């Protein structure tokens, strides 16, 4: 899986296969990359990270985090 929640963080794997731990509250923006909606950009501290999950998958993780 390219995204997983770990406590107050989420772990995302970027386009280079590198793992990133991101504090959920530090996420500034999530948006679709293309018309197929298979990937999304995650903006954290002004840096855009391409993640290989859909915006819908990312939204589910963030909504689950907000409900805790």
C-alpha atoms as a PDB file:
ATOM      1  CA  UNK A   1       0.000   0.000   0.000  1.00  0.00           C
ATOM      2  CA  UNK A   2       1.308   3.452  -0.872  1.00  0.00           C
ATOM      3  CA  UNK A   3      -0.317   5.156   2.106  1.00  0.00           C
ATOM      4  CA  UNK A   4      -0.730   4.114   5.717  1.00  0.00           C
ATOM      5  CA  UNK A   5      -1.693   5.936   8.915  1.00  0.00           C
ATOM      6  CA  UNK A   6       0.815   5.709  11.776  1.00  0.00           C
ATOM      7  CA  UNK A   7      -0.423   7.572  14.850  1.00  0.00           C
ATOM      8  CA  UNK A   8      -0.424  11.323  14.136  1.00  0.00           C
ATOM      9  CA  UNK A   9       1.431  10.681  10.867  1.00  0.00           C
ATOM     10  CA  UNK A  10       0.782   9.097   7.527  1.00  0.00           C
ATOM     11  CA  UNK A  11       3.424   7.233   5.589  1.00  0.00           C
ATOM     12  CA  UNK A  12       3.330   7.858   1.850  1.00  0.00           C
ATOM     13  CA  UNK A  13       5.551   6.457  -0.849  1.00  0.00           C
ATOM     14  CA  UNK A  14       6.504   9.044  -3.445  1.00  0.00           C
ATOM     15  CA  UNK A  15       7.182   8.663  -7.171  1.00  0.00           C
ATOM     16  CA  UNK A  16      10.800   7.659  -6.493  1.00  0.00           C
ATOM     17  CA  UNK A  17       9.752   4.883  -4.118  1.00  0.00           C
ATOM     18  CA  UNK A  18      10.981   6.849  -1.096  1.00  0.00           C
ATOM     19  CA  UNK A  19       8.945   6.633   2.104  1.00  0.00           C
ATOM     20  CA  UNK A  20       7.830   9.879   3.738  1.00  0.00           C
ATOM     21  CA  UNK A  21       6.299  10.297   7.193  1.00  0.00           C
ATOM     22  CA  UNK A  22       4.052  13.335   7.178  1.00  0.00           C
ATOM     23  CA  UNK A  23       2.234  14.818  10.155  1.00  0.00           C
ATOM     24  CA  UNK A  24      -1.443  14.798   9.221  1.00  0.00           C
ATOM     25  CA  UNK A  25      -1.950  18.387  10.391  1.00  0.00           C
ATOM     26  CA  UNK A  26       0.924  19.560   8.140  1.00  0.00           C
ATOM     27  CA  UNK A  27      -0.873  18.607   4.925  1.00  0.00           C
ATOM     28  CA  UNK A  28      -1.786  21.756   3.064  1.00  0.00           C
ATOM     29  CA  UNK A  29      -3.341  20.342  -0.082  1.00  0.00           C
ATOM     30  CA  UNK A  30      -4.214  17.111  -1.868  1.00  0.00           C
ATOM     31  CA  UNK A  31      -5.172  17.166  -5.544  1.00  0.00           C
ATOM     32  CA  UNK A  32      -5.598  14.858  -8.533  1.00  0.00           C
ATOM     33  CA  UNK A  33      -2.671  14.530 -10.923  1.00  0.00           C
ATOM     34  CA  UNK A  34      -4.440  13.411 -14.077  1.00  0.00           C
ATOM     35  CA  UNK A  35      -7.858  12.766 -15.569  1.00  0.00           C
ATOM     36  CA  UNK A  36      -7.674   9.067 -14.657  1.00  0.00           C
ATOM     37  CA  UNK A  37      -7.515  10.008 -10.964  1.00  0.00           C
ATOM     38  CA  UNK A  38      -5.038   7.248 -10.151  1.00  0.00           C
ATOM     39  CA  UNK A  39      -2.429   9.449  -8.460  1.00  0.00           C
ATOM     40  CA  UNK A  40      -2.458  12.565  -6.332  1.00  0.00           C
ATOM     41  CA  UNK A  41      -0.170  15.392  -5.287  1.00  0.00           C
ATOM     42  CA  UNK A  42       0.248  15.955  -1.572  1.00  0.00           C
ATOM     43  CA  UNK A  43       1.545  19.390  -0.533  1.00  0.00           C
ATOM     44  CA  UNK A  44       3.435  19.538   2.765  1.00  0.00           C
ATOM     45  CA  UNK A  45       5.494  22.561   3.865  1.00  0.00           C
ATOM     46  CA  UNK A  46       5.353  23.934   0.335  1.00  0.00           C
ATOM     47  CA  UNK A  47       6.770  20.715  -1.166  1.00  0.00           C
ATOM     48  CA  UNK A  48       4.663  18.709  -3.599  1.00  0.00           C
ATOM     49  CA  UNK A  49       4.914  14.934  -3.280  1.00  0.00           C
ATOM     50  CA  UNK A  50       3.495  12.696  -6.004  1.00  0.00           C
ATOM     51  CA  UNK A  51       1.830   9.682  -4.402  1.00  0.00           C
ATOM     52  CA  UNK A  52       0.620   6.638  -6.257  1.00  0.00           C
ATOM     53  CA  UNK A  53      -2.837   6.549  -4.678  1.00  0.00           C
ATOM     54  CA  UNK A  54      -6.034   8.213  -5.726  1.00  0.00           C
ATOM     55  CA  UNK A  55      -7.391  11.301  -4.067  1.00  0.00           C
ATOM     56  CA  UNK A  56     -10.314   9.146  -2.905  1.00  0.00           C
ATOM     57  CA  UNK A  57      -7.968   6.772  -1.032  1.00  0.00           C
ATOM     58  CA  UNK A  58      -6.151   9.721   0.503  1.00  0.00           C
ATOM     59  CA  UNK A  59      -9.442  11.299   1.545  1.00  0.00           C
ATOM     60  CA  UNK A  60     -10.496   8.079   3.309  1.00  0.00           C
ATOM     61  CA  UNK A  61      -7.274   8.037   5.355  1.00  0.00           C
ATOM     62  CA  UNK A  62      -7.654  11.711   6.294  1.00  0.00           C
ATOM     63  CA  UNK A  63     -11.318  11.321   7.239  1.00  0.00           C
ATOM     64  CA  UNK A  64     -10.483   8.309   9.402  1.00  0.00           C
ATOM     65  CA  UNK A  65      -7.793  10.372  11.131  1.00  0.00           C
ATOM     66  CA  UNK A  66     -10.234  13.228  11.738  1.00  0.00           C
ATOM     67  CA  UNK A  67     -12.745  10.860  13.333  1.00  0.00           C
ATOM     68  CA  UNK A  68     -10.248   9.659  15.951  1.00  0.00           C
END
